[in-house]
Protein backbone atom coordinates (compact mmCIF):
# COMPACT_ATOMS: atom_id res chain seq x y z
CA MET A 1 111.24 95.65 213.11
CA TYR A 2 114.40 97.66 213.79
CA LEU A 3 117.62 96.30 215.24
CA MET A 4 119.45 98.67 217.55
CA PHE A 5 123.01 98.81 218.81
CA VAL A 6 123.85 101.12 221.70
CA ASP A 7 127.27 101.63 223.24
CA GLU A 8 128.76 103.93 225.85
CA SER A 9 132.13 105.63 225.80
CA GLY A 10 133.62 103.70 228.69
CA THR A 11 135.45 105.21 231.61
CA HIS A 12 138.30 107.63 231.12
CA GLY A 13 140.21 108.77 234.18
CA GLY A 14 139.63 112.41 235.03
CA SER A 15 136.87 112.95 232.47
CA HIS A 16 133.33 113.78 233.53
CA ALA A 17 132.01 113.28 230.00
CA PHE A 18 129.72 110.37 229.29
CA VAL A 19 128.84 109.60 225.69
CA LEU A 20 126.09 107.26 224.61
CA GLY A 21 125.67 106.48 220.93
CA GLY A 22 123.55 104.14 218.93
CA VAL A 23 122.40 103.09 215.51
CA ALA A 24 119.10 101.58 214.42
CA ILE A 25 118.74 99.63 211.20
CA HIS A 26 115.69 98.01 209.69
CA GLU A 27 115.91 94.21 209.74
CA ASP A 28 115.57 94.11 205.94
CA ASP A 29 118.80 96.13 205.63
CA ALA A 30 120.91 94.27 208.22
CA GLN A 31 122.20 91.57 205.85
CA ARG A 32 123.12 94.16 203.20
CA LEU A 33 125.06 96.16 205.82
CA GLN A 34 126.90 93.03 206.99
CA VAL A 35 127.91 92.18 203.41
CA ALA A 36 129.11 95.76 202.81
CA LEU A 37 131.19 95.72 206.01
CA ASP A 38 132.67 92.30 205.18
CA GLU A 39 133.61 93.53 201.69
CA LEU A 40 135.18 96.68 203.14
CA VAL A 41 137.35 94.70 205.57
CA SER A 42 138.36 92.18 202.88
CA THR A 43 139.23 94.97 200.44
CA LYS A 44 141.37 96.84 202.98
CA LEU A 45 143.13 93.62 204.04
CA GLY A 46 143.70 92.68 200.40
CA ARG A 47 142.28 89.21 201.00
CA ILE A 48 139.30 87.39 202.43
CA PRO A 49 140.51 85.93 205.72
CA PRO A 50 139.10 82.51 206.66
CA ASN A 51 138.20 83.96 210.08
CA LEU A 52 136.51 87.14 208.83
CA GLU A 53 133.99 87.11 211.71
CA GLU A 54 136.89 87.72 214.14
CA TYR A 55 137.70 91.07 212.53
CA GLU A 56 135.25 93.10 214.59
CA LEU A 57 135.27 96.83 213.98
CA HIS A 58 135.99 98.65 217.26
CA ALA A 59 137.32 102.19 216.79
CA SER A 60 139.63 102.10 219.82
CA GLU A 61 141.09 98.77 218.76
CA LEU A 62 141.63 99.94 215.18
CA ARG A 63 143.45 103.02 216.45
CA ASN A 64 145.59 101.17 219.01
CA ALA A 65 145.71 97.43 218.37
CA LYS A 66 147.35 95.57 221.27
CA LYS A 67 150.50 93.78 220.19
CA PRO A 68 151.93 90.73 221.99
CA ARG A 69 154.39 91.43 224.78
CA PRO A 70 158.04 90.88 223.87
CA ASP A 71 158.74 89.29 227.27
CA GLU A 72 156.90 85.96 227.23
CA ARG A 73 157.77 85.23 230.88
CA LYS A 74 155.07 87.68 231.92
CA ALA A 75 151.43 86.85 231.57
CA PRO A 76 150.50 87.22 227.90
CA ALA A 77 148.47 90.29 227.03
CA VAL A 78 145.29 89.90 225.05
CA THR A 79 146.51 90.42 221.53
CA SER A 80 144.28 92.15 219.01
CA ILE A 81 143.60 90.40 215.71
CA TRP A 82 144.35 93.81 214.18
CA ALA A 83 147.89 93.89 215.65
CA ASN A 84 149.49 92.58 212.45
CA VAL A 85 147.56 94.93 210.17
CA PRO A 86 149.41 98.18 209.42
CA ARG A 87 148.06 101.17 211.35
CA THR A 88 147.49 103.12 208.12
CA THR A 89 145.19 100.34 206.88
CA ARG A 90 143.30 100.30 210.17
CA LEU A 91 142.83 104.08 210.06
CA GLU A 92 141.60 103.83 206.45
CA LEU A 93 138.88 101.47 207.68
CA LEU A 94 137.78 104.08 210.22
CA ASP A 95 137.59 106.75 207.51
CA ALA A 96 135.86 104.56 204.91
CA ARG A 97 132.38 105.36 203.64
CA LEU A 98 129.92 102.67 202.60
């Protein structure tokens, strides 16, 4: 059996483009891929975080991680777990090859 992940590009104001992408992986290879991705994240972070499952790899979030708002009187923004990781490290993750 194959496992498949499909995602769309989201909405971008003024753009008529719609992008749909996907990846299919055989179930026998899924665990090996997960281990490789976990090792990649741990290597780039320089440590194995206790909450490794929270470090999801989303390209847009790696490029532009949301940082907490400096004015706490306003409603708090959703802060990315990647916000405290240097941008160069995040971009290296995007460019990495397994």
